[in-house]
Amino acid sequence: MMQVIFKEKARADLRNIFAWFREQVNGSDARFEAALESELAYLRKRPNGYRVRRPPFRFAVVGRFRYFIIYVLVADAVVIHRVRHMHQKPLKRYFGS
């Protein structure tokens, strides 16, 4: 099973996402957390489960929440660089194109 490592920008993304969901007061933060954990478990077991979209980056989708986990594979680890909503145009804003 692969180790998952979060870059600082990914940690900041998650703090902002959880803060936004907590403000919604409808339990969506718990549902998002469960979907995120489920996707991380999948990535640990099947790190090659998503194709390379922008070498060397892969994009995993967090359930029905329309968030991408942008990650790379390094040796025996999944390194998560960003967690972005699909409407934030992660390719343009993160990769500059």
PDB file of N, CA and C in Angstrom:
ATOM      1  N   MET A   1       0.841  -1.180   0.000  1.00  0.00           N
ATOM      2  CA  MET A   1       0.000   0.000   0.000  1.00  0.00           C
ATOM      3  C   MET A   1       0.891   1.250   0.000  1.00  0.00           C
ATOM      4  N   MET A   2       0.524   2.203  -0.811  1.00  0.00           N
ATOM      5  CA  MET A   2       1.318   3.422  -0.982  1.00  0.00           C
ATOM      6  C   MET A   2       1.091   4.402   0.168  1.00  0.00           C
ATOM      7  N   GLN A   3       2.121   5.162   0.442  1.00  0.00           N
ATOM      8  CA  GLN A   3       2.039   6.242   1.419  1.00  0.00           C
ATOM      9  C   GLN A   3       1.474   7.473   0.709  1.00  0.00           C
ATOM     10  N   VAL A   4       0.679   8.291   1.412  1.00  0.00           N
ATOM     11  CA  VAL A   4       0.140   9.526   0.851  1.00  0.00           C
ATOM     12  C   VAL A   4       0.803  10.705   1.553  1.00  0.00           C
ATOM     13  N   ILE A   5       1.371  11.612   0.752  1.00  0.00           N
ATOM     14  CA  ILE A   5       2.047  12.792   1.274  1.00  0.00           C
ATOM     15  C   ILE A   5       1.370  14.030   0.692  1.00  0.00           C
ATOM     16  N   PHE A   6       1.008  14.974   1.546  1.00  0.00           N
ATOM     17  CA  PHE A   6       0.374  16.214   1.115  1.00  0.00           C
ATOM     18  C   PHE A   6       1.400  17.337   1.085  1.00  0.00           C
ATOM     19  N   LYS A   7       1.504  18.023  -0.048  1.00  0.00           N
ATOM     20  CA  LYS A   7       2.302  19.244  -0.132  1.00  0.00           C
ATOM     21  C   LYS A   7       1.569  20.340   0.638  1.00  0.00           C
ATOM     22  N   GLU A   8       2.265  21.393   1.021  1.00  0.00           N
ATOM     23  CA  GLU A   8       1.661  22.469   1.822  1.00  0.00           C
ATOM     24  C   GLU A   8       0.475  23.119   1.104  1.00  0.00           C
ATOM     25  N   LYS A   9       0.578  23.317  -0.210  1.00  0.00           N
ATOM     26  CA  LYS A   9      -0.547  23.922  -0.938  1.00  0.00           C
ATOM     27  C   LYS A   9      -1.784  23.035  -0.886  1.00  0.00           C
ATOM     28  N   ALA A  10      -1.599  21.731  -0.926  1.00  0.00           N
ATOM     29  CA  ALA A  10      -2.732  20.810  -0.822  1.00  0.00           C
ATOM     30  C   ALA A  10      -3.356  20.885   0.573  1.00  0.00           C
ATOM     31  N   ARG A  11      -2.524  21.001   1.592  1.00  0.00           N
ATOM     32  CA  ARG A  11      -3.047  21.150   2.959  1.00  0.00           C
ATOM     33  C   ARG A  11      -3.846  22.442   3.086  1.00  0.00           C
ATOM     34  N   ALA A  12      -3.334  23.518   2.507  1.00  0.00           N
ATOM     35  CA  ALA A  12      -4.046  24.805   2.536  1.00  0.00           C
ATOM     36  C   ALA A  12      -5.366  24.699   1.776  1.00  0.00           C
ATOM     37  N   ASP A  13      -5.345  24.021   0.630  1.00  0.00           N
ATOM     38  CA  ASP A  13      -6.585  23.815  -0.123  1.00  0.00           C
ATOM     39  C   ASP A  13      -7.619  23.104   0.742  1.00  0.00           C
ATOM     40  N   LEU A  14      -7.198  22.049   1.423  1.00  0.00           N
ATOM     41  CA  LEU A  14      -8.135  21.276   2.252  1.00  0.00           C
ATOM     42  C   LEU A  14      -8.656  22.094   3.425  1.00  0.00           C
ATOM     43  N   ARG A  15      -7.797  22.913   4.041  1.00  0.00           N
ATOM     44  CA  ARG A  15      -8.279  23.774   5.131  1.00  0.00           C
ATOM     45  C   ARG A  15      -9.374  24.711   4.624  1.00  0.00           C
ATOM     46  N   ASN A  16      -9.163  25.301   3.459  1.00  0.00           N
ATOM     47  CA  ASN A  16     -10.156  26.212   2.882  1.00  0.00           C
ATOM     48  C   ASN A  16     -11.442  25.482   2.492  1.00  0.00           C
ATOM     49  N   ILE A  17     -11.303  24.306   1.926  1.00  0.00           N
ATOM     50  CA  ILE A  17     -12.475  23.521   1.528  1.00  0.00           C
ATOM     51  C   ILE A  17     -13.299  23.152   2.749  1.00  0.00           C
ATOM     52  N   PHE A  18     -12.648  22.640   3.794  1.00  0.00           N
ATOM     53  CA  PHE A  18     -13.388  22.249   4.996  1.00  0.00           C
ATOM     54  C   PHE A  18     -14.015  23.457   5.681  1.00  0.00           C
ATOM     55  N   ALA A  19     -13.334  24.592   5.687  1.00  0.00           N
ATOM     56  CA  ALA A  19     -13.916  25.805   6.273  1.00  0.00           C
ATOM     57  C   ALA A  19     -15.172  26.200   5.516  1.00  0.00           C
ATOM     58  N   TRP A  20     -15.126  26.135   4.202  1.00  0.00           N
ATOM     59  CA  TRP A  20     -16.304  26.486   3.400  1.00  0.00           C
ATOM     60  C   TRP A  20     -17.453  25.523   3.673  1.00  0.00           C
ATOM     61  N   PHE A  21     -17.161  24.203   3.703  1.00  0.00           N
ATOM     62  CA  PHE A  21     -18.214  23.225   3.955  1.00  0.00           C
ATOM     63  C   PHE A  21     -18.798  23.374   5.359  1.00  0.00           C
ATOM     64  N   ARG A  22     -17.968  23.692   6.354  1.00  0.00           N
ATOM     65  CA  ARG A  22     -18.483  23.874   7.723  1.00  0.00           C
ATOM     66  C   ARG A  22     -19.461  25.039   7.793  1.00  0.00           C
ATOM     67  N   GLU A  23     -19.253  26.075   6.993  1.00  0.00           N
ATOM     68  CA  GLU A  23     -20.155  27.223   6.975  1.00  0.00           C
ATOM     69  C   GLU A  23     -21.521  26.873   6.397  1.00  0.00           C
ATOM     70  N   GLN A  24     -21.614  25.786   5.658  1.00  0.00           N
ATOM     71  CA  GLN A  24     -22.874  25.423   5.013  1.00  0.00           C
ATOM     72  C   GLN A  24     -23.894  24.852   6.001  1.00  0.00           C
ATOM     73  N   VAL A  25     -23.465  24.378   7.138  1.00  0.00           N
ATOM     74  CA  VAL A  25     -24.316  23.878   8.231  1.00  0.00           C
ATOM     75  C   VAL A  25     -25.338  22.846   7.769  1.00  0.00           C
ATOM     76  N   ASN A  26     -24.981  22.036   6.825  1.00  0.00           N
ATOM     77  CA  ASN A  26     -25.919  21.001   6.376  1.00  0.00           C
ATOM     78  C   ASN A  26     -25.293  19.611   6.398  1.00  0.00           C
ATOM     79  N   GLY A  27     -24.171  19.481   7.073  1.00  0.00           N
ATOM     80  CA  GLY A  27     -23.508  18.187   7.172  1.00  0.00           C
ATOM     81  C   GLY A  27     -22.667  17.836   5.958  1.00  0.00           C
ATOM     82  N   SER A  28     -22.538  18.770   5.030  1.00  0.00           N
ATOM     83  CA  SER A  28     -21.771  18.470   3.820  1.00  0.00           C
ATOM     84  C   SER A  28     -20.286  18.278   4.123  1.00  0.00           C
ATOM     85  N   ASP A  29     -19.785  18.877   5.208  1.00  0.00           N
ATOM     86  CA  ASP A  29     -18.374  18.687   5.546  1.00  0.00           C
ATOM     87  C   ASP A  29     -18.079  17.232   5.874  1.00  0.00           C
ATOM     88  N   ALA A  30     -18.988  16.571   6.577  1.00  0.00           N
ATOM     89  CA  ALA A  30     -18.792  15.157   6.915  1.00  0.00           C
ATOM     90  C   ALA A  30     -18.885  14.285   5.663  1.00  0.00           C
ATOM     91  N   ARG A  31     -19.809  14.616   4.768  1.00  0.00           N
ATOM     92  CA  ARG A  31     -19.931  13.854   3.526  1.00  0.00           C
ATOM     93  C   ARG A  31     -18.695  14.053   2.642  1.00  0.00           C
ATOM     94  N   PHE A  32     -18.191  15.281   2.586  1.00  0.00           N
ATOM     95  CA  PHE A  32     -16.979  15.530   1.808  1.00  0.00           C
ATOM     96  C   PHE A  32     -15.799  14.772   2.404  1.00  0.00           C
ATOM     97  N   GLU A  33     -15.673  14.810   3.716  1.00  0.00           N
ATOM     98  CA  GLU A  33     -14.571  14.109   4.373  1.00  0.00           C
ATOM     99  C   GLU A  33     -14.627  12.611   4.080  1.00  0.00           C
ATOM    100  N   ALA A  34     -15.820  12.025   4.126  1.00  0.00           N
ATOM    101  CA  ALA A  34     -15.970  10.598   3.828  1.00  0.00           C
ATOM    102  C   ALA A  34     -15.591  10.298   2.376  1.00  0.00           C
ATOM    103  N   ALA A  35     -16.012  11.160   1.452  1.00  0.00           N
ATOM    104  CA  ALA A  35     -15.672  10.963   0.038  1.00  0.00           C
ATOM    105  C   ALA A  35     -14.172  11.114  -0.184  1.00  0.00           C
ATOM    106  N   LEU A  36     -13.561  12.082   0.478  1.00  0.00           N
ATOM    107  CA  LEU A  36     -12.115  12.295   0.368  1.00  0.00           C
ATOM    108  C   LEU A  36     -11.359  11.083   0.898  1.00  0.00           C
ATOM    109  N   GLU A  37     -11.744  10.591   2.073  1.00  0.00           N
ATOM    110  CA  GLU A  37     -11.081   9.414   2.655  1.00  0.00           C
ATOM    111  C   GLU A  37     -11.228   8.195   1.756  1.00  0.00           C
ATOM    112  N   SER A  38     -12.397   8.042   1.158  1.00  0.00           N
ATOM    113  CA  SER A  38     -12.631   6.925   0.243  1.00  0.00           C
ATOM    114  C   SER A  38     -11.699   7.011  -0.964  1.00  0.00           C
ATOM    115  N   GLU A  39     -11.562   8.201  -1.518  1.00  0.00           N
ATOM    116  CA  GLU A  39     -10.687   8.388  -2.680  1.00  0.00           C
ATOM    117  C   GLU A  39      -9.219   8.181  -2.300  1.00  0.00           C
ATOM    118  N   LEU A  40      -8.817   8.650  -1.124  1.00  0.00           N
ATOM    119  CA  LEU A  40      -7.436   8.445  -0.681  1.00  0.00           C
ATOM    120  C   LEU A  40      -7.152   6.954  -0.480  1.00  0.00           C
ATOM    121  N   ALA A  41      -8.125   6.211   0.043  1.00  0.00           N
ATOM    122  CA  ALA A  41      -7.953   4.763   0.206  1.00  0.00           C
ATOM    123  C   ALA A  41      -7.774   4.098  -1.159  1.00  0.00           C
ATOM    124  N   TYR A  42      -8.550   4.549  -2.138  1.00  0.00           N
ATOM    125  CA  TYR A  42      -8.405   4.016  -3.500  1.00  0.00           C
ATOM    126  C   TYR A  42      -7.013   4.321  -4.052  1.00  0.00           C
ATOM    127  N   LEU A  43      -6.539   5.555  -3.849  1.00  0.00           N
ATOM    128  CA  LEU A  43      -5.214   5.937  -4.351  1.00  0.00           C
ATOM    129  C   LEU A  43      -4.105   5.122  -3.688  1.00  0.00           C
ATOM    130  N   ARG A  44      -4.273   4.800  -2.421  1.00  0.00           N
ATOM    131  CA  ARG A  44      -3.266   3.976  -1.733  1.00  0.00           C
ATOM    132  C   ARG A  44      -3.188   2.587  -2.361  1.00  0.00           C
ATOM    133  N   LYS A  45      -4.347   2.031  -2.707  1.00  0.00           N
ATOM    134  CA  LYS A  45      -4.395   0.682  -3.268  1.00  0.00           C
ATOM    135  C   LYS A  45      -4.075   0.661  -4.761  1.00  0.00           C
ATOM    136  N   ARG A  46      -4.550   1.679  -5.489  1.00  0.00           N
ATOM    137  CA  ARG A  46      -4.391   1.706  -6.939  1.00  0.00           C
ATOM    138  C   ARG A  46      -3.887   3.069  -7.389  1.00  0.00           C
ATOM    139  N   PRO A  47      -2.648   3.385  -7.105  1.00  0.00           N
ATOM    140  CA  PRO A  47      -2.120   4.709  -7.448  1.00  0.00           C
ATOM    141  C   PRO A  47      -2.123   4.996  -8.949  1.00  0.00           C
ATOM    142  N   ASN A  48      -2.093   3.947  -9.762  1.00  0.00           N
ATOM    143  CA  ASN A  48      -2.136   4.127 -11.218  1.00  0.00           C
ATOM    144  C   ASN A  48      -3.569   4.105 -11.753  1.00  0.00           C
ATOM    145  N   GLY A  49      -4.540   4.214 -10.864  1.00  0.00           N
ATOM    146  CA  GLY A  49      -5.947   4.127 -11.248  1.00  0.00           C
ATOM    147  C   GLY A  49      -6.432   5.279 -12.108  1.00  0.00           C
ATOM    148  N   TYR A  50      -5.688   6.361 -12.142  1.00  0.00           N
ATOM    149  CA  TYR A  50      -6.040   7.511 -12.988  1.00  0.00           C
ATOM    150  C   TYR A  50      -4.909   7.754 -13.967  1.00  0.00           C
ATOM    151  N   ARG A  51      -5.273   8.126 -15.171  1.00  0.00           N
ATOM    152  CA  ARG A  51      -4.253   8.352 -16.202  1.00  0.00           C
ATOM    153  C   ARG A  51      -3.530   9.678 -15.961  1.00  0.00           C
ATOM    154  N   VAL A  52      -2.373   9.802 -16.545  1.00  0.00           N
ATOM    155  CA  VAL A  52      -1.610  11.039 -16.481  1.00  0.00           C
ATOM    156  C   VAL A  52      -2.307  12.038 -17.405  1.00  0.00           C
ATOM    157  N   ARG A  53      -2.700  13.191 -16.843  1.00  0.00           N
ATOM    158  CA  ARG A  53      -3.388  14.210 -17.637  1.00  0.00           C
ATOM    159  C   ARG A  53      -2.454  15.311 -18.075  1.00  0.00           C
ATOM    160  N   ARG A  54      -1.524  15.624 -17.245  1.00  0.00           N
ATOM    161  CA  ARG A  54      -0.544  16.681 -17.530  1.00  0.00           C
ATOM    162  C   ARG A  54       0.765  16.181 -16.930  1.00  0.00           C
ATOM    163  N   PRO A  55       1.607  15.529 -17.726  1.00  0.00           N
ATOM    164  CA  PRO A  55       2.789  14.853 -17.168  1.00  0.00           C
ATOM    165  C   PRO A  55       3.554  15.721 -16.174  1.00  0.00           C
ATOM    166  N   PRO A  56       3.859  15.168 -15.032  1.00  0.00           N
ATOM    167  CA  PRO A  56       3.589  13.815 -14.526  1.00  0.00           C
ATOM    168  C   PRO A  56       2.334  13.737 -13.656  1.00  0.00           C
ATOM    169  N   PHE A  57       1.440  14.724 -13.737  1.00  0.00           N
ATOM    170  CA  PHE A  57       0.294  14.831 -12.825  1.00  0.00           C
ATOM    171  C   PHE A  57      -0.894  13.977 -13.254  1.00  0.00           C
ATOM    172  N   ARG A  58      -1.530  13.405 -12.238  1.00  0.00           N
ATOM    173  CA  ARG A  58      -2.766  12.644 -12.407  1.00  0.00           C
ATOM    174  C   ARG A  58      -3.861  13.377 -11.640  1.00  0.00           C
ATOM    175  N   PHE A  59      -5.108  13.209 -12.067  1.00  0.00           N
ATOM    176  CA  PHE A  59      -6.238  13.888 -11.440  1.00  0.00           C
ATOM    177  C   PHE A  59      -7.245  12.849 -10.977  1.00  0.00           C
ATOM    178  N   ALA A  60      -7.437  12.739  -9.672  1.00  0.00           N
ATOM    179  CA  ALA A  60      -8.451  11.864  -9.102  1.00  0.00           C
ATOM    180  C   ALA A  60      -9.666  12.724  -8.741  1.00  0.00           C
ATOM    181  N   VAL A  61     -10.851  12.164  -8.864  1.00  0.00           N
ATOM    182  CA  VAL A  61     -12.073  12.911  -8.586  1.00  0.00           C
ATOM    183  C   VAL A  61     -12.625  12.487  -7.232  1.00  0.00           C
ATOM    184  N   VAL A  62     -12.971  13.486  -6.394  1.00  0.00           N
ATOM    185  CA  VAL A  62     -13.534  13.205  -5.071  1.00  0.00           C
ATOM    186  C   VAL A  62     -15.049  13.093  -5.214  1.00  0.00           C
ATOM    187  N   GLY A  63     -15.505  11.887  -5.412  1.00  0.00           N
ATOM    188  CA  GLY A  63     -16.923  11.588  -5.470  1.00  0.00           C
ATOM    189  C   GLY A  63     -17.761  12.588  -6.244  1.00  0.00           C
ATOM    190  N   ARG A  64     -18.936  12.870  -5.728  1.00  0.00           N
ATOM    191  CA  ARG A  64     -19.859  13.773  -6.405  1.00  0.00           C
ATOM    192  C   ARG A  64     -19.577  15.239  -6.090  1.00  0.00           C
ATOM    193  N   PHE A  65     -18.518  15.509  -5.369  1.00  0.00           N
ATOM    194  CA  PHE A  65     -18.216  16.885  -4.951  1.00  0.00           C
ATOM    195  C   PHE A  65     -17.488  17.699  -6.018  1.00  0.00           C
ATOM    196  N   ARG A  66     -17.075  17.060  -7.085  1.00  0.00           N
ATOM    197  CA  ARG A  66     -16.445  17.757  -8.207  1.00  0.00           C
ATOM    198  C   ARG A  66     -15.132  18.446  -7.823  1.00  0.00           C
ATOM    199  N   TYR A  67     -14.380  17.781  -6.979  1.00  0.00           N
ATOM    200  CA  TYR A  67     -13.032  18.243  -6.636  1.00  0.00           C
ATOM    201  C   TYR A  67     -12.018  17.292  -7.242  1.00  0.00           C
ATOM    202  N   PHE A  68     -10.921  17.835  -7.725  1.00  0.00           N
ATOM    203  CA  PHE A  68      -9.805  17.041  -8.215  1.00  0.00           C
ATOM    204  C   PHE A  68      -8.740  16.961  -7.136  1.00  0.00           C
ATOM    205  N   ILE A  69      -8.152  15.784  -6.996  1.00  0.00           N
ATOM    206  CA  ILE A  69      -6.916  15.611  -6.237  1.00  0.00           C
ATOM    207  C   ILE A  69      -5.831  15.531  -7.303  1.00  0.00           C
ATOM    208  N   ILE A  70      -4.945  16.512  -7.318  1.00  0.00           N
ATOM    209  CA  ILE A  70      -3.875  16.555  -8.318  1.00  0.00           C
ATOM    210  C   ILE A  70      -2.636  15.950  -7.663  1.00  0.00           C
ATOM    211  N   TYR A  71      -2.155  14.836  -8.223  1.00  0.00           N
ATOM    212  CA  TYR A  71      -1.073  14.104  -7.574  1.00  0.00           C
ATOM    213  C   TYR A  71      -0.075  13.542  -8.571  1.00  0.00           C
ATOM    214  N   VAL A  72       1.073  13.147  -8.031  1.00  0.00           N
ATOM    215  CA  VAL A  72       2.113  12.449  -8.792  1.00  0.00           C
ATOM    216  C   VAL A  72       2.544  11.221  -7.997  1.00  0.00           C
ATOM    217  N   LEU A  73       3.139  10.283  -8.697  1.00  0.00           N
ATOM    218  CA  LEU A  73       3.696   9.102  -8.042  1.00  0.00           C
ATOM    219  C   LEU A  73       5.206   9.274  -7.949  1.00  0.00           C
ATOM    220  N   VAL A  74       5.720   9.119  -6.735  1.00  0.00           N
ATOM    221  CA  VAL A  74       7.154   9.231  -6.497  1.00  0.00           C
ATOM    222  C   VAL A  74       7.558   8.019  -5.675  1.00  0.00           C
ATOM    223  N   ALA A  75       8.331   7.137  -6.285  1.00  0.00           N
ATOM    224  CA  ALA A  75       8.782   5.906  -5.627  1.00  0.00           C
ATOM    225  C   ALA A  75       7.582   5.167  -5.042  1.00  0.00           C
ATOM    226  N   ASP A  76       7.505   5.057  -3.713  1.00  0.00           N
ATOM    227  CA  ASP A  76       6.411   4.329  -3.078  1.00  0.00           C
ATOM    228  C   ASP A  76       5.415   5.271  -2.414  1.00  0.00           C
ATOM    229  N   ALA A  77       5.235   6.467  -2.999  1.00  0.00           N
ATOM    230  CA  ALA A  77       4.340   7.455  -2.393  1.00  0.00           C
ATOM    231  C   ALA A  77       3.467   8.136  -3.446  1.00  0.00           C
ATOM    232  N   VAL A  78       2.271   8.504  -2.987  1.00  0.00           N
ATOM    233  CA  VAL A  78       1.370   9.359  -3.748  1.00  0.00           C
ATOM    234  C   VAL A  78       1.559  10.755  -3.165  1.00  0.00           C
ATOM    235  N   VAL A  79       2.069  11.686  -3.967  1.00  0.00           N
ATOM    236  CA  VAL A  79       2.332  13.041  -3.489  1.00  0.00           C
ATOM    237  C   VAL A  79       1.223  13.939  -4.040  1.00  0.00           C
ATOM    238  N   ILE A  80       0.430  14.489  -3.128  1.00  0.00           N
ATOM    239  CA  ILE A  80      -0.706  15.328  -3.512  1.00  0.00           C
ATOM    240  C   ILE A  80      -0.259  16.784  -3.526  1.00  0.00           C
ATOM    241  N   HIS A  81      -0.384  17.398  -4.699  1.00  0.00           N
ATOM    242  CA  HIS A  81       0.056  18.780  -4.879  1.00  0.00           C
ATOM    243  C   HIS A  81      -1.060  19.787  -4.629  1.00  0.00           C
ATOM    244  N   ARG A  82      -2.278  19.494  -5.069  1.00  0.00           N
ATOM    245  CA  ARG A  82      -3.400  20.420  -4.904  1.00  0.00           C
ATOM    246  C   ARG A  82      -4.691  19.629  -4.793  1.00  0.00           C
ATOM    247  N   VAL A  83      -5.705  20.256  -4.194  1.00  0.00           N
ATOM    248  CA  VAL A  83      -7.076  19.745  -4.199  1.00  0.00           C
ATOM    249  C   VAL A  83      -7.917  20.924  -4.665  1.00  0.00           C
ATOM    250  N   ARG A  84      -8.463  20.830  -5.880  1.00  0.00           N
ATOM    251  CA  ARG A  84      -9.129  21.970  -6.505  1.00  0.00           C
ATOM    252  C   ARG A  84     -10.513  21.589  -7.010  1.00  0.00           C
ATOM    253  N   HIS A  85     -11.443  22.538  -6.926  1.00  0.00           N
ATOM    254  CA  HIS A  85     -12.773  22.329  -7.491  1.00  0.00           C
ATOM    255  C   HIS A  85     -12.673  22.432  -9.005  1.00  0.00           C
ATOM    256  N   MET A  86     -13.476  21.662  -9.703  1.00  0.00           N
ATOM    257  CA  MET A  86     -13.426  21.657 -11.163  1.00  0.00           C
ATOM    258  C   MET A  86     -13.742  23.025 -11.759  1.00  0.00           C
ATOM    259  N   HIS A  87     -14.557  23.822 -11.095  1.00  0.00           N
ATOM    260  CA  HIS A  87     -14.889  25.154 -11.606  1.00  0.00           C
ATOM    261  C   HIS A  87     -13.753  26.151 -11.413  1.00  0.00           C
ATOM    262  N   GLN A  88     -12.742  25.786 -10.650  1.00  0.00           N
ATOM    263  CA  GLN A  88     -11.586  26.660 -10.454  1.00  0.00           C
ATOM    264  C   GLN A  88     -10.580  26.522 -11.586  1.00  0.00           C
ATOM    265  N   LYS A  89     -10.934  25.776 -12.619  1.00  0.00           N
ATOM    266  CA  LYS A  89     -10.058  25.563 -13.772  1.00  0.00           C
ATOM    267  C   LYS A  89      -8.656  25.179 -13.319  1.00  0.00           C
ATOM    268  N   PRO A  90      -8.516  24.015 -12.682  1.00  0.00           N
ATOM    269  CA  PRO A  90      -7.219  23.637 -12.123  1.00  0.00           C
ATOM    270  C   PRO A  90      -6.101  23.577 -13.149  1.00  0.00           C
ATOM    271  N   LEU A  91      -6.392  23.202 -14.382  1.00  0.00           N
ATOM    272  CA  LEU A  91      -5.322  23.170 -15.376  1.00  0.00           C
ATOM    273  C   LEU A  91      -4.788  24.558 -15.649  1.00  0.00           C
ATOM    274  N   LYS A  92      -5.681  25.510 -15.856  1.00  0.00           N
ATOM    275  CA  LYS A  92      -5.256  26.870 -16.195  1.00  0.00           C
ATOM    276  C   LYS A  92      -4.585  27.546 -15.010  1.00  0.00           C
ATOM    277  N   ARG A  93      -5.206  27.479 -13.854  1.00  0.00           N
ATOM    278  CA  ARG A  93      -4.665  28.194 -12.704  1.00  0.00           C
ATOM    279  C   ARG A  93      -3.429  27.528 -12.123  1.00  0.00           C
ATOM    280  N   TYR A  94      -3.371  26.212 -12.193  1.00  0.00           N
ATOM    281  CA  TYR A  94      -2.234  25.523 -11.584  1.00  0.00           C
ATOM    282  C   TYR A  94      -1.069  25.365 -12.557  1.00  0.00           C
ATOM    283  N   PHE A  95      -1.390  25.124 -13.828  1.00  0.00           N
ATOM    284  CA  PHE A  95      -0.336  24.856 -14.796  1.00  0.00           C
ATOM    285  C   PHE A  95      -0.095  26.009 -15.752  1.00  0.00           C
ATOM    286  N   GLY A  96      -0.932  27.038 -15.720  1.00  0.00           N
ATOM    287  CA  GLY A  96      -0.710  28.212 -16.537  1.00  0.00           C
ATOM    288  C   GLY A  96      -1.084  28.055 -17.993  1.00  0.00           C
ATOM    289  N   SER A  97      -1.944  27.100 -18.310  1.00  0.00           N
ATOM    290  CA  SER A  97      -2.393  26.967 -19.705  1.00  0.00           C
ATOM    291  C   SER A  97      -3.821  26.508 -19.767  1.00  0.00           C
TER     292      SER A  97
END
